[in-house]
């Protein structure tokens, strides 16, 4: 699985500024568990959207733990 322009575009439209690093995590994760998908582009879009959602949820928790 290689990063293409569509993957960079999806990362940008979902607010990812670290597209290359994030794509490598996505690829490594799915290769490690042997995932299979009919549409890897949509799987990538979902990964990006969920990662932004998770980061928003975790941000207040991290800020609350600072001394």
PDB file of N, CA and C in Angstrom:
ATOM      1  N   UNK A   1       0.856  -1.168   0.000  1.00  0.00           N
ATOM      2  CA  UNK A   1       0.000   0.000   0.000  1.00  0.00           C
ATOM      3  C   UNK A   1       0.905   1.235   0.000  1.00  0.00           C
ATOM      4  N   UNK A   2       0.703   2.094  -0.959  1.00  0.00           N
ATOM      5  CA  UNK A   2       1.507   3.301  -1.090  1.00  0.00           C
ATOM      6  C   UNK A   2       0.633   4.544  -0.966  1.00  0.00           C
ATOM      7  N   UNK A   3       1.202   5.578  -0.410  1.00  0.00           N
ATOM      8  CA  UNK A   3       0.472   6.830  -0.271  1.00  0.00           C
ATOM      9  C   UNK A   3       0.388   7.509  -1.641  1.00  0.00           C
ATOM     10  N   UNK A   4      -0.822   7.886  -2.002  1.00  0.00           N
ATOM     11  CA  UNK A   4      -1.047   8.579  -3.273  1.00  0.00           C
ATOM     12  C   UNK A   4      -1.606   9.966  -2.974  1.00  0.00           C
ATOM     13  N   UNK A   5      -1.773  10.743  -4.020  1.00  0.00           N
ATOM     14  CA  UNK A   5      -2.283  12.102  -3.874  1.00  0.00           C
ATOM     15  C   UNK A   5      -3.646  12.103  -3.174  1.00  0.00           C
ATOM     16  N   UNK A   6      -4.505  11.166  -3.517  1.00  0.00           N
ATOM     17  CA  UNK A   6      -5.833  11.102  -2.890  1.00  0.00           C
ATOM     18  C   UNK A   6      -5.708  10.951  -1.380  1.00  0.00           C
ATOM     19  N   UNK A   7      -4.718  10.187  -0.930  1.00  0.00           N
ATOM     20  CA  UNK A   7      -4.525   9.997   0.504  1.00  0.00           C
ATOM     21  C   UNK A   7      -4.069  11.296   1.169  1.00  0.00           C
ATOM     22  N   UNK A   8      -3.175  12.034   0.506  1.00  0.00           N
ATOM     23  CA  UNK A   8      -2.744  13.338   1.045  1.00  0.00           C
ATOM     24  C   UNK A   8      -3.914  14.313   1.081  1.00  0.00           C
ATOM     25  N   UNK A   9      -4.731  14.292   0.029  1.00  0.00           N
ATOM     26  CA  UNK A   9      -5.896  15.182  -0.030  1.00  0.00           C
ATOM     27  C   UNK A   9      -6.888  14.872   1.096  1.00  0.00           C
ATOM     28  N   UNK A  10      -7.139  13.605   1.333  1.00  0.00           N
ATOM     29  CA  UNK A  10      -8.057  13.211   2.408  1.00  0.00           C
ATOM     30  C   UNK A  10      -7.502  13.660   3.757  1.00  0.00           C
ATOM     31  N   UNK A  11      -6.216  13.442   3.964  1.00  0.00           N
ATOM     32  CA  UNK A  11      -5.602  13.867   5.231  1.00  0.00           C
ATOM     33  C   UNK A  11      -5.764  15.368   5.430  1.00  0.00           C
ATOM     34  N   UNK A  12      -5.528  16.113   4.379  1.00  0.00           N
ATOM     35  CA  UNK A  12      -5.640  17.575   4.465  1.00  0.00           C
ATOM     36  C   UNK A  12      -7.079  18.000   4.754  1.00  0.00           C
ATOM     37  N   UNK A  13      -8.044  17.405   4.062  1.00  0.00           N
ATOM     38  CA  UNK A  13      -9.445  17.817   4.252  1.00  0.00           C
ATOM     39  C   UNK A  13      -9.985  17.419   5.621  1.00  0.00           C
ATOM     40  N   UNK A  14      -9.373  16.428   6.259  1.00  0.00           N
ATOM     41  CA  UNK A  14      -9.825  16.022   7.590  1.00  0.00           C
ATOM     42  C   UNK A  14      -9.007  16.671   8.705  1.00  0.00           C
ATOM     43  N   UNK A  15      -8.067  17.540   8.338  1.00  0.00           N
ATOM     44  CA  UNK A  15      -7.318  18.279   9.341  1.00  0.00           C
ATOM     45  C   UNK A  15      -6.011  17.650   9.773  1.00  0.00           C
ATOM     46  N   UNK A  16      -5.572  16.609   9.090  1.00  0.00           N
ATOM     47  CA  UNK A  16      -4.294  15.969   9.415  1.00  0.00           C
ATOM     48  C   UNK A  16      -3.167  16.780   8.795  1.00  0.00           C
ATOM     49  N   UNK A  17      -2.213  17.192   9.592  1.00  0.00           N
ATOM     50  CA  UNK A  17      -1.061  17.917   9.055  1.00  0.00           C
ATOM     51  C   UNK A  17       0.143  16.993   8.904  1.00  0.00           C
ATOM     52  N   UNK A  18       0.064  15.819   9.491  1.00  0.00           N
ATOM     53  CA  UNK A  18       1.151  14.845   9.473  1.00  0.00           C
ATOM     54  C   UNK A  18       0.759  13.631   8.633  1.00  0.00           C
ATOM     55  N   UNK A  19       0.380  13.874   7.379  1.00  0.00           N
ATOM     56  CA  UNK A  19      -0.186  12.830   6.531  1.00  0.00           C
ATOM     57  C   UNK A  19       0.741  11.639   6.349  1.00  0.00           C
ATOM     58  N   UNK A  20       2.000  11.881   6.058  1.00  0.00           N
ATOM     59  CA  UNK A  20       2.928  10.768   5.797  1.00  0.00           C
ATOM     60  C   UNK A  20       3.057   9.868   7.028  1.00  0.00           C
ATOM     61  N   UNK A  21       3.306  10.453   8.177  1.00  0.00           N
ATOM     62  CA  UNK A  21       3.450   9.682   9.416  1.00  0.00           C
ATOM     63  C   UNK A  21       2.162   8.919   9.731  1.00  0.00           C
ATOM     64  N   UNK A  22       1.044   9.591   9.568  1.00  0.00           N
ATOM     65  CA  UNK A  22      -0.245   8.967   9.873  1.00  0.00           C
ATOM     66  C   UNK A  22      -0.541   7.818   8.917  1.00  0.00           C
ATOM     67  N   UNK A  23      -0.213   8.015   7.643  1.00  0.00           N
ATOM     68  CA  UNK A  23      -0.437   6.955   6.660  1.00  0.00           C
ATOM     69  C   UNK A  23       0.422   5.740   6.980  1.00  0.00           C
ATOM     70  N   UNK A  24       1.652   5.966   7.415  1.00  0.00           N
ATOM     71  CA  UNK A  24       2.525   4.846   7.775  1.00  0.00           C
ATOM     72  C   UNK A  24       1.948   4.064   8.956  1.00  0.00           C
ATOM     73  N   UNK A  25       1.381   4.766   9.924  1.00  0.00           N
ATOM     74  CA  UNK A  25       0.732   4.083  11.056  1.00  0.00           C
ATOM     75  C   UNK A  25      -0.459   3.253  10.580  1.00  0.00           C
ATOM     76  N   UNK A  26      -1.269   3.867   9.711  1.00  0.00           N
ATOM     77  CA  UNK A  26      -2.435   3.190   9.133  1.00  0.00           C
ATOM     78  C   UNK A  26      -2.000   1.918   8.409  1.00  0.00           C
ATOM     79  N   UNK A  27      -1.020   2.050   7.530  1.00  0.00           N
ATOM     80  CA  UNK A  27      -0.537   0.908   6.753  1.00  0.00           C
ATOM     81  C   UNK A  27       0.047  -0.170   7.670  1.00  0.00           C
ATOM     82  N   UNK A  28       0.918   0.232   8.587  1.00  0.00           N
ATOM     83  CA  UNK A  28       1.559  -0.739   9.483  1.00  0.00           C
ATOM     84  C   UNK A  28       0.536  -1.469  10.348  1.00  0.00           C
ATOM     85  N   UNK A  29      -0.436  -0.724  10.858  1.00  0.00           N
ATOM     86  CA  UNK A  29      -1.474  -1.329  11.690  1.00  0.00           C
ATOM     87  C   UNK A  29      -2.227  -2.402  10.902  1.00  0.00           C
ATOM     88  N   UNK A  30      -2.699  -2.057   9.721  1.00  0.00           N
ATOM     89  CA  UNK A  30      -3.509  -2.990   8.946  1.00  0.00           C
ATOM     90  C   UNK A  30      -2.689  -4.160   8.412  1.00  0.00           C
ATOM     91  N   UNK A  31      -1.428  -3.938   8.121  1.00  0.00           N
ATOM     92  CA  UNK A  31      -0.575  -5.054   7.707  1.00  0.00           C
ATOM     93  C   UNK A  31      -0.324  -6.003   8.878  1.00  0.00           C
ATOM     94  N   UNK A  32      -0.134  -5.446  10.065  1.00  0.00           N
ATOM     95  CA  UNK A  32       0.156  -6.260  11.248  1.00  0.00           C
ATOM     96  C   UNK A  32      -1.005  -7.173  11.622  1.00  0.00           C
ATOM     97  N   UNK A  33      -2.234  -6.680  11.456  1.00  0.00           N
ATOM     98  CA  UNK A  33      -3.381  -7.507  11.849  1.00  0.00           C
ATOM     99  C   UNK A  33      -4.007  -8.241  10.670  1.00  0.00           C
ATOM    100  N   UNK A  34      -3.456  -8.043   9.472  1.00  0.00           N
ATOM    101  CA  UNK A  34      -3.952  -8.758   8.299  1.00  0.00           C
ATOM    102  C   UNK A  34      -5.297  -8.273   7.805  1.00  0.00           C
ATOM    103  N   UNK A  35      -5.545  -6.997   7.924  1.00  0.00           N
ATOM    104  CA  UNK A  35      -6.823  -6.429   7.475  1.00  0.00           C
ATOM    105  C   UNK A  35      -7.002  -6.584   5.969  1.00  0.00           C
ATOM    106  N   UNK A  36      -8.244  -6.603   5.574  1.00  0.00           N
ATOM    107  CA  UNK A  36      -8.607  -6.636   4.167  1.00  0.00           C
ATOM    108  C   UNK A  36      -9.793  -5.700   3.982  1.00  0.00           C
ATOM    109  N   UNK A  37      -9.782  -4.927   2.905  1.00  0.00           N
ATOM    110  CA  UNK A  37     -10.874  -3.987   2.657  1.00  0.00           C
ATOM    111  C   UNK A  37     -11.184  -3.922   1.170  1.00  0.00           C
ATOM    112  N   UNK A  38     -12.452  -3.740   0.867  1.00  0.00           N
ATOM    113  CA  UNK A  38     -12.858  -3.509  -0.521  1.00  0.00           C
ATOM    114  C   UNK A  38     -12.384  -2.140  -0.977  1.00  0.00           C
ATOM    115  N   UNK A  39     -12.338  -1.198  -0.062  1.00  0.00           N
ATOM    116  CA  UNK A  39     -12.014   0.179  -0.438  1.00  0.00           C
ATOM    117  C   UNK A  39     -11.052   0.791   0.581  1.00  0.00           C
ATOM    118  N   UNK A  40      -9.752   0.677   0.302  1.00  0.00           N
ATOM    119  CA  UNK A  40      -8.744   1.193   1.220  1.00  0.00           C
ATOM    120  C   UNK A  40      -8.785   2.709   1.314  1.00  0.00           C
ATOM    121  N   UNK A  41      -9.220   3.379   0.262  1.00  0.00           N
ATOM    122  CA  UNK A  41      -9.309   4.838   0.310  1.00  0.00           C
ATOM    123  C   UNK A  41     -10.345   5.271   1.344  1.00  0.00           C
ATOM    124  N   UNK A  42     -11.484   4.598   1.373  1.00  0.00           N
ATOM    125  CA  UNK A  42     -12.500   4.924   2.377  1.00  0.00           C
ATOM    126  C   UNK A  42     -12.060   4.505   3.777  1.00  0.00           C
ATOM    127  N   UNK A  43     -11.324   3.420   3.868  1.00  0.00           N
ATOM    128  CA  UNK A  43     -10.775   3.011   5.169  1.00  0.00           C
ATOM    129  C   UNK A  43      -9.814   4.088   5.678  1.00  0.00           C
ATOM    130  N   UNK A  44      -9.006   4.641   4.778  1.00  0.00           N
ATOM    131  CA  UNK A  44      -8.086   5.729   5.133  1.00  0.00           C
ATOM    132  C   UNK A  44      -8.854   6.968   5.574  1.00  0.00           C
ATOM    133  N   UNK A  45      -9.919   7.315   4.848  1.00  0.00           N
ATOM    134  CA  UNK A  45     -10.731   8.482   5.205  1.00  0.00           C
ATOM    135  C   UNK A  45     -11.309   8.304   6.619  1.00  0.00           C
ATOM    136  N   UNK A  46     -11.820   7.127   6.898  1.00  0.00           N
ATOM    137  CA  UNK A  46     -12.383   6.837   8.216  1.00  0.00           C
ATOM    138  C   UNK A  46     -11.301   6.921   9.293  1.00  0.00           C
ATOM    139  N   UNK A  47     -10.117   6.385   9.017  1.00  0.00           N
ATOM    140  CA  UNK A  47      -8.990   6.443   9.957  1.00  0.00           C
ATOM    141  C   UNK A  47      -8.672   7.901  10.292  1.00  0.00           C
ATOM    142  N   UNK A  48      -8.600   8.751   9.277  1.00  0.00           N
ATOM    143  CA  UNK A  48      -8.289  10.172   9.492  1.00  0.00           C
ATOM    144  C   UNK A  48      -9.375  10.851  10.320  1.00  0.00           C
ATOM    145  N   UNK A  49     -10.622  10.623   9.960  1.00  0.00           N
ATOM    146  CA  UNK A  49     -11.724  11.238  10.697  1.00  0.00           C
ATOM    147  C   UNK A  49     -11.731  10.779  12.156  1.00  0.00           C
ATOM    148  N   UNK A  50     -11.552   9.494  12.378  1.00  0.00           N
ATOM    149  CA  UNK A  50     -11.556   8.967  13.746  1.00  0.00           C
ATOM    150  C   UNK A  50     -10.370   9.496  14.545  1.00  0.00           C
ATOM    151  N   UNK A  51      -9.215   9.634  13.922  1.00  0.00           N
ATOM    152  CA  UNK A  51      -8.041  10.110  14.656  1.00  0.00           C
ATOM    153  C   UNK A  51      -8.232  11.541  15.125  1.00  0.00           C
ATOM    154  N   UNK A  52      -8.841  12.362  14.286  1.00  0.00           N
ATOM    155  CA  UNK A  52      -9.122  13.750  14.685  1.00  0.00           C
ATOM    156  C   UNK A  52     -10.124  13.749  15.840  1.00  0.00           C
ATOM    157  N   UNK A  53     -11.136  12.905  15.740  1.00  0.00           N
ATOM    158  CA  UNK A  53     -12.152  12.785  16.797  1.00  0.00           C
ATOM    159  C   UNK A  53     -11.507  12.334  18.114  1.00  0.00           C
ATOM    160  N   UNK A  54     -10.656  11.325  18.059  1.00  0.00           N
ATOM    161  CA  UNK A  54      -9.989  10.822  19.266  1.00  0.00           C
ATOM    162  C   UNK A  54      -9.090  11.883  19.887  1.00  0.00           C
ATOM    163  N   UNK A  55      -8.363  12.619  19.055  1.00  0.00           N
ATOM    164  CA  UNK A  55      -7.479  13.659  19.579  1.00  0.00           C
ATOM    165  C   UNK A  55      -8.266  14.759  20.281  1.00  0.00           C
ATOM    166  N   UNK A  56      -9.426  15.110  19.742  1.00  0.00           N
ATOM    167  CA  UNK A  56     -10.268  16.125  20.392  1.00  0.00           C
ATOM    168  C   UNK A  56     -10.746  15.649  21.745  1.00  0.00           C
ATOM    169  N   UNK A  57     -11.122  14.370  21.829  1.00  0.00           N
ATOM    170  CA  UNK A  57     -11.601  13.811  23.087  1.00  0.00           C
ATOM    171  C   UNK A  57     -10.495  13.720  24.128  1.00  0.00           C
ATOM    172  N   UNK A  58      -9.292  13.413  23.691  1.00  0.00           N
ATOM    173  CA  UNK A  58      -8.174  13.231  24.611  1.00  0.00           C
ATOM    174  C   UNK A  58      -7.546  14.549  25.048  1.00  0.00           C
ATOM    175  N   UNK A  59      -7.668  15.599  24.256  1.00  0.00           N
ATOM    176  CA  UNK A  59      -7.028  16.874  24.563  1.00  0.00           C
ATOM    177  C   UNK A  59      -7.418  17.425  25.942  1.00  0.00           C
ATOM    178  N   UNK A  60      -8.707  17.488  26.289  1.00  0.00           N
ATOM    179  CA  UNK A  60      -9.056  18.009  27.629  1.00  0.00           C
ATOM    180  C   UNK A  60      -8.480  17.166  28.754  1.00  0.00           C
ATOM    181  N   UNK A  61      -8.428  15.857  28.568  1.00  0.00           N
ATOM    182  CA  UNK A  61      -7.873  14.978  29.596  1.00  0.00           C
ATOM    183  C   UNK A  61      -6.381  15.259  29.790  1.00  0.00           C
ATOM    184  N   UNK A  62      -5.673  15.443  28.690  1.00  0.00           N
ATOM    185  CA  UNK A  62      -4.238  15.744  28.791  1.00  0.00           C
ATOM    186  C   UNK A  62      -4.012  17.099  29.437  1.00  0.00           C
ATOM    187  N   UNK A  63      -4.818  18.083  29.092  1.00  0.00           N
ATOM    188  CA  UNK A  63      -4.664  19.417  29.663  1.00  0.00           C
ATOM    189  C   UNK A  63      -4.961  19.400  31.156  1.00  0.00           C
ATOM    190  N   UNK A  64      -5.889  18.559  31.577  1.00  0.00           N
ATOM    191  CA  UNK A  64      -6.249  18.480  32.986  1.00  0.00           C
ATOM    192  C   UNK A  64      -5.195  17.811  33.848  1.00  0.00           C
ATOM    193  N   UNK A  65      -4.265  17.085  33.206  1.00  0.00           N
ATOM    194  CA  UNK A  65      -3.244  16.378  33.979  1.00  0.00           C
ATOM    195  C   UNK A  65      -1.982  17.202  34.154  1.00  0.00           C
ATOM    196  N   UNK A  66      -1.916  18.362  33.544  1.00  0.00           N
ATOM    197  CA  UNK A  66      -0.724  19.210  33.691  1.00  0.00           C
ATOM    198  C   UNK A  66      -0.678  19.833  35.065  1.00  0.00           C
ATOM    199  N   UNK A  67       0.528  19.969  35.576  1.00  0.00           N
ATOM    200  CA  UNK A  67       0.700  20.567  36.913  1.00  0.00           C
ATOM    201  C   UNK A  67       0.882  22.066  36.812  1.00  0.00           C
TER     202      UNK A  67
END
